Amino acid sequence: MSGISPLALSDLAVLGALSTVDGLDGEQVGKVVAAPPIGPGMTLTDDAVRRILIRLEARGLAENHSRGWQLTKRGRTLWATKGGRFTL
């Protein structure tokens, strides 16, 4: 068994936001999570979003570029296979 804990609902919300738009900064990610195109949304503080982004980066699912946060190939693959079960 791997030592990595499963993704939390808030992690999936941030992954979903990043899958919607490439190149978001932390504040923009929080806004997309709070007011998604469909679904009720989720309120996350800027600090919570920052912690989640760092955690996703450590897992190789997201990376910070000069244009902002983006999903990695691994993150896009995960979202494509598992994200359909989660409505942002």
N, C-alpha and C. Protein backbone atom coordinates (compact mmCIF):
# COMPACT_ATOMS: atom_id res chain seq x y z
N MET A 1 0.84 -1.18 0.00
CA MET A 1 0.00 0.00 0.00
C MET A 1 0.88 1.24 0.00
N SER A 2 0.50 2.21 -0.75
CA SER A 2 1.26 3.45 -0.88
C SER A 2 1.10 4.32 0.37
N GLY A 3 2.11 5.14 0.64
CA GLY A 3 2.06 6.04 1.78
C GLY A 3 1.33 7.34 1.48
N ILE A 4 0.79 7.46 0.28
CA ILE A 4 0.09 8.69 -0.11
C ILE A 4 -1.38 8.55 0.24
N SER A 5 -1.90 9.55 0.95
CA SER A 5 -3.31 9.51 1.32
C SER A 5 -4.18 9.82 0.11
N PRO A 6 -5.43 9.36 0.13
CA PRO A 6 -6.32 9.63 -1.00
C PRO A 6 -6.62 11.13 -1.11
N LEU A 7 -7.05 11.53 -2.29
CA LEU A 7 -7.39 12.94 -2.50
C LEU A 7 -8.66 13.29 -1.74
N ALA A 8 -8.66 14.44 -1.11
CA ALA A 8 -9.83 14.94 -0.41
C ALA A 8 -10.76 15.63 -1.41
N LEU A 9 -11.98 15.86 -1.00
CA LEU A 9 -12.96 16.54 -1.84
C LEU A 9 -12.44 17.91 -2.27
N SER A 10 -11.79 18.62 -1.36
CA SER A 10 -11.25 19.94 -1.71
C SER A 10 -10.12 19.82 -2.74
N ASP A 11 -9.32 18.75 -2.66
CA ASP A 11 -8.28 18.52 -3.66
C ASP A 11 -8.90 18.33 -5.04
N LEU A 12 -9.97 17.55 -5.08
CA LEU A 12 -10.67 17.32 -6.35
C LEU A 12 -11.29 18.60 -6.89
N ALA A 13 -11.77 19.46 -6.00
CA ALA A 13 -12.33 20.74 -6.44
C ALA A 13 -11.25 21.59 -7.11
N VAL A 14 -10.07 21.61 -6.54
CA VAL A 14 -8.97 22.38 -7.12
C VAL A 14 -8.52 21.75 -8.44
N LEU A 15 -8.43 20.42 -8.49
CA LEU A 15 -8.10 19.75 -9.75
C LEU A 15 -9.12 20.10 -10.83
N GLY A 16 -10.39 20.10 -10.44
CA GLY A 16 -11.45 20.45 -11.39
C GLY A 16 -11.33 21.86 -11.90
N ALA A 17 -10.98 22.78 -11.00
CA ALA A 17 -10.79 24.18 -11.42
C ALA A 17 -9.63 24.29 -12.40
N LEU A 18 -8.54 23.58 -12.12
CA LEU A 18 -7.39 23.63 -13.02
C LEU A 18 -7.68 22.95 -14.35
N SER A 19 -8.57 21.96 -14.35
CA SER A 19 -8.92 21.30 -15.61
C SER A 19 -9.80 22.19 -16.47
N THR A 20 -10.48 23.14 -15.84
CA THR A 20 -11.36 24.05 -16.57
C THR A 20 -10.58 25.10 -17.32
N VAL A 21 -9.57 25.67 -16.67
CA VAL A 21 -8.78 26.75 -17.26
C VAL A 21 -7.32 26.53 -16.93
N ASP A 22 -6.45 26.61 -17.92
CA ASP A 22 -5.01 26.52 -17.68
C ASP A 22 -4.47 27.87 -17.26
N GLY A 23 -3.54 27.89 -16.33
CA GLY A 23 -2.85 29.11 -15.95
C GLY A 23 -3.60 29.99 -14.98
N LEU A 24 -4.08 29.41 -13.89
CA LEU A 24 -4.76 30.19 -12.86
C LEU A 24 -3.82 30.46 -11.70
N ASP A 25 -3.96 31.65 -11.09
CA ASP A 25 -3.23 31.87 -9.84
C ASP A 25 -4.11 31.36 -8.70
N GLY A 26 -3.57 31.31 -7.50
CA GLY A 26 -4.29 30.75 -6.37
C GLY A 26 -5.63 31.42 -6.11
N GLU A 27 -5.69 32.73 -6.21
CA GLU A 27 -6.94 33.46 -5.97
C GLU A 27 -7.99 33.09 -7.02
N GLN A 28 -7.57 32.97 -8.27
CA GLN A 28 -8.50 32.59 -9.34
C GLN A 28 -9.01 31.17 -9.15
N VAL A 29 -8.14 30.27 -8.69
CA VAL A 29 -8.57 28.90 -8.42
C VAL A 29 -9.68 28.91 -7.39
N GLY A 30 -9.51 29.68 -6.32
CA GLY A 30 -10.54 29.79 -5.29
C GLY A 30 -11.86 30.29 -5.83
N LYS A 31 -11.82 31.23 -6.77
CA LYS A 31 -13.06 31.76 -7.36
C LYS A 31 -13.75 30.72 -8.23
N VAL A 32 -12.99 29.95 -9.00
CA VAL A 32 -13.59 28.91 -9.83
C VAL A 32 -14.20 27.82 -8.96
N VAL A 33 -13.52 27.46 -7.88
CA VAL A 33 -14.05 26.45 -6.96
C VAL A 33 -15.34 26.94 -6.32
N ALA A 34 -15.41 28.23 -5.98
CA ALA A 34 -16.59 28.79 -5.31
C ALA A 34 -17.78 28.95 -6.25
N ALA A 35 -17.52 29.21 -7.52
CA ALA A 35 -18.62 29.45 -8.48
C ALA A 35 -18.36 28.67 -9.76
N PRO A 36 -18.46 27.34 -9.70
CA PRO A 36 -18.20 26.53 -10.88
C PRO A 36 -19.33 26.66 -11.90
N PRO A 37 -19.08 26.22 -13.15
CA PRO A 37 -20.12 26.29 -14.17
C PRO A 37 -21.36 25.47 -13.80
N ILE A 38 -21.17 24.34 -13.11
CA ILE A 38 -22.29 23.53 -12.65
C ILE A 38 -22.01 23.10 -11.22
N GLY A 39 -23.04 22.76 -10.49
CA GLY A 39 -22.86 22.30 -9.12
C GLY A 39 -22.87 23.44 -8.12
N PRO A 40 -22.90 23.08 -6.83
CA PRO A 40 -23.03 24.09 -5.78
C PRO A 40 -21.76 24.85 -5.46
N GLY A 41 -20.60 24.31 -5.77
CA GLY A 41 -19.36 24.99 -5.44
C GLY A 41 -18.90 24.69 -4.03
N MET A 42 -17.77 25.26 -3.68
CA MET A 42 -17.15 25.03 -2.39
C MET A 42 -16.36 26.28 -2.02
N THR A 43 -16.44 26.69 -0.78
CA THR A 43 -15.69 27.86 -0.34
C THR A 43 -14.38 27.42 0.29
N LEU A 44 -13.28 27.91 -0.27
CA LEU A 44 -11.95 27.63 0.27
C LEU A 44 -11.23 28.95 0.48
N THR A 45 -10.54 29.08 1.59
CA THR A 45 -9.75 30.28 1.82
C THR A 45 -8.54 30.27 0.88
N ASP A 46 -7.95 31.44 0.68
CA ASP A 46 -6.75 31.53 -0.15
C ASP A 46 -5.64 30.64 0.41
N ASP A 47 -5.54 30.59 1.74
CA ASP A 47 -4.52 29.77 2.38
C ASP A 47 -4.77 28.28 2.11
N ALA A 48 -6.04 27.87 2.17
CA ALA A 48 -6.38 26.47 1.90
C ALA A 48 -6.05 26.12 0.45
N VAL A 49 -6.38 27.00 -0.48
CA VAL A 49 -6.07 26.77 -1.90
C VAL A 49 -4.56 26.64 -2.08
N ARG A 50 -3.81 27.51 -1.45
CA ARG A 50 -2.35 27.48 -1.55
C ARG A 50 -1.79 26.15 -1.04
N ARG A 51 -2.30 25.69 0.11
CA ARG A 51 -1.85 24.40 0.67
C ARG A 51 -2.20 23.24 -0.26
N ILE A 52 -3.40 23.28 -0.82
CA ILE A 52 -3.83 22.21 -1.73
C ILE A 52 -2.96 22.20 -2.98
N LEU A 53 -2.69 23.38 -3.54
CA LEU A 53 -1.85 23.45 -4.74
C LEU A 53 -0.46 22.90 -4.47
N ILE A 54 0.10 23.22 -3.31
CA ILE A 54 1.42 22.70 -2.94
C ILE A 54 1.37 21.18 -2.79
N ARG A 55 0.30 20.68 -2.19
CA ARG A 55 0.14 19.23 -2.03
C ARG A 55 0.00 18.54 -3.39
N LEU A 56 -0.79 19.14 -4.29
CA LEU A 56 -0.95 18.57 -5.63
C LEU A 56 0.36 18.62 -6.41
N GLU A 57 1.13 19.69 -6.21
CA GLU A 57 2.43 19.80 -6.87
C GLU A 57 3.37 18.70 -6.36
N ALA A 58 3.36 18.45 -5.07
CA ALA A 58 4.22 17.41 -4.49
C ALA A 58 3.86 16.03 -5.02
N ARG A 59 2.60 15.84 -5.38
CA ARG A 59 2.16 14.55 -5.93
C ARG A 59 2.35 14.47 -7.44
N GLY A 60 2.84 15.55 -8.04
CA GLY A 60 3.05 15.55 -9.48
C GLY A 60 1.79 15.74 -10.29
N LEU A 61 0.75 16.32 -9.68
CA LEU A 61 -0.53 16.50 -10.36
C LEU A 61 -0.71 17.92 -10.90
N ALA A 62 0.00 18.88 -10.33
CA ALA A 62 -0.10 20.28 -10.77
C ALA A 62 1.28 20.90 -10.69
N GLU A 63 1.47 21.95 -11.48
CA GLU A 63 2.75 22.66 -11.44
C GLU A 63 2.51 24.14 -11.67
N ASN A 64 3.40 24.94 -11.10
CA ASN A 64 3.28 26.39 -11.21
C ASN A 64 4.24 26.89 -12.28
N HIS A 65 3.69 27.52 -13.30
CA HIS A 65 4.48 28.10 -14.38
C HIS A 65 4.37 29.61 -14.31
N SER A 66 5.05 30.29 -15.18
CA SER A 66 4.96 31.75 -15.23
C SER A 66 3.54 32.20 -15.55
N ARG A 67 2.77 31.35 -16.24
CA ARG A 67 1.37 31.68 -16.58
C ARG A 67 0.40 31.31 -15.48
N GLY A 68 0.89 30.67 -14.43
CA GLY A 68 0.03 30.27 -13.33
C GLY A 68 0.02 28.76 -13.15
N TRP A 69 -0.89 28.27 -12.33
CA TRP A 69 -0.98 26.84 -12.02
C TRP A 69 -1.65 26.10 -13.16
N GLN A 70 -1.11 24.92 -13.45
CA GLN A 70 -1.64 24.06 -14.50
C GLN A 70 -1.57 22.61 -14.05
N LEU A 71 -2.44 21.79 -14.62
CA LEU A 71 -2.35 20.35 -14.38
C LEU A 71 -1.17 19.79 -15.16
N THR A 72 -0.49 18.84 -14.58
CA THR A 72 0.55 18.11 -15.30
C THR A 72 -0.15 17.05 -16.16
N LYS A 73 0.63 16.35 -16.97
CA LYS A 73 0.05 15.27 -17.77
C LYS A 73 -0.59 14.24 -16.84
N ARG A 74 0.08 13.94 -15.74
CA ARG A 74 -0.47 13.00 -14.76
C ARG A 74 -1.77 13.52 -14.15
N GLY A 75 -1.81 14.82 -13.86
CA GLY A 75 -3.02 15.42 -13.32
C GLY A 75 -4.18 15.39 -14.31
N ARG A 76 -3.88 15.67 -15.58
CA ARG A 76 -4.93 15.62 -16.61
C ARG A 76 -5.45 14.20 -16.79
N THR A 77 -4.53 13.23 -16.74
CA THR A 77 -4.94 11.83 -16.87
C THR A 77 -5.82 11.42 -15.70
N LEU A 78 -5.42 11.79 -14.49
CA LEU A 78 -6.22 11.48 -13.31
C LEU A 78 -7.60 12.10 -13.42
N TRP A 79 -7.67 13.37 -13.81
CA TRP A 79 -8.96 14.04 -13.91
C TRP A 79 -9.82 13.38 -15.00
N ALA A 80 -9.20 12.99 -16.11
CA ALA A 80 -9.95 12.37 -17.20
C ALA A 80 -10.55 11.02 -16.78
N THR A 81 -9.84 10.29 -15.93
CA THR A 81 -10.34 8.98 -15.52
C THR A 81 -11.22 9.01 -14.28
N LYS A 82 -10.95 9.92 -13.37
CA LYS A 82 -11.68 9.95 -12.10
C LYS A 82 -12.57 11.18 -11.93
N GLY A 83 -12.28 12.24 -12.64
CA GLY A 83 -12.99 13.50 -12.43
C GLY A 83 -14.45 13.46 -12.78
N GLY A 84 -14.84 12.56 -13.69
CA GLY A 84 -16.24 12.44 -14.06
C GLY A 84 -17.14 12.03 -12.91
N ARG A 85 -16.54 11.41 -11.90
CA ARG A 85 -17.31 11.00 -10.72
C ARG A 85 -17.57 12.16 -9.77
N PHE A 86 -16.88 13.24 -10.00
CA PHE A 86 -16.96 14.40 -9.11
C PHE A 86 -17.51 15.59 -9.87
N THR A 87 -18.61 16.14 -9.42
CA THR A 87 -19.18 17.32 -10.05
C THR A 87 -18.74 18.54 -9.28
N LEU A 88 -18.00 19.40 -9.93
CA LEU A 88 -17.50 20.62 -9.31
C LEU A 88 -18.64 21.56 -9.04
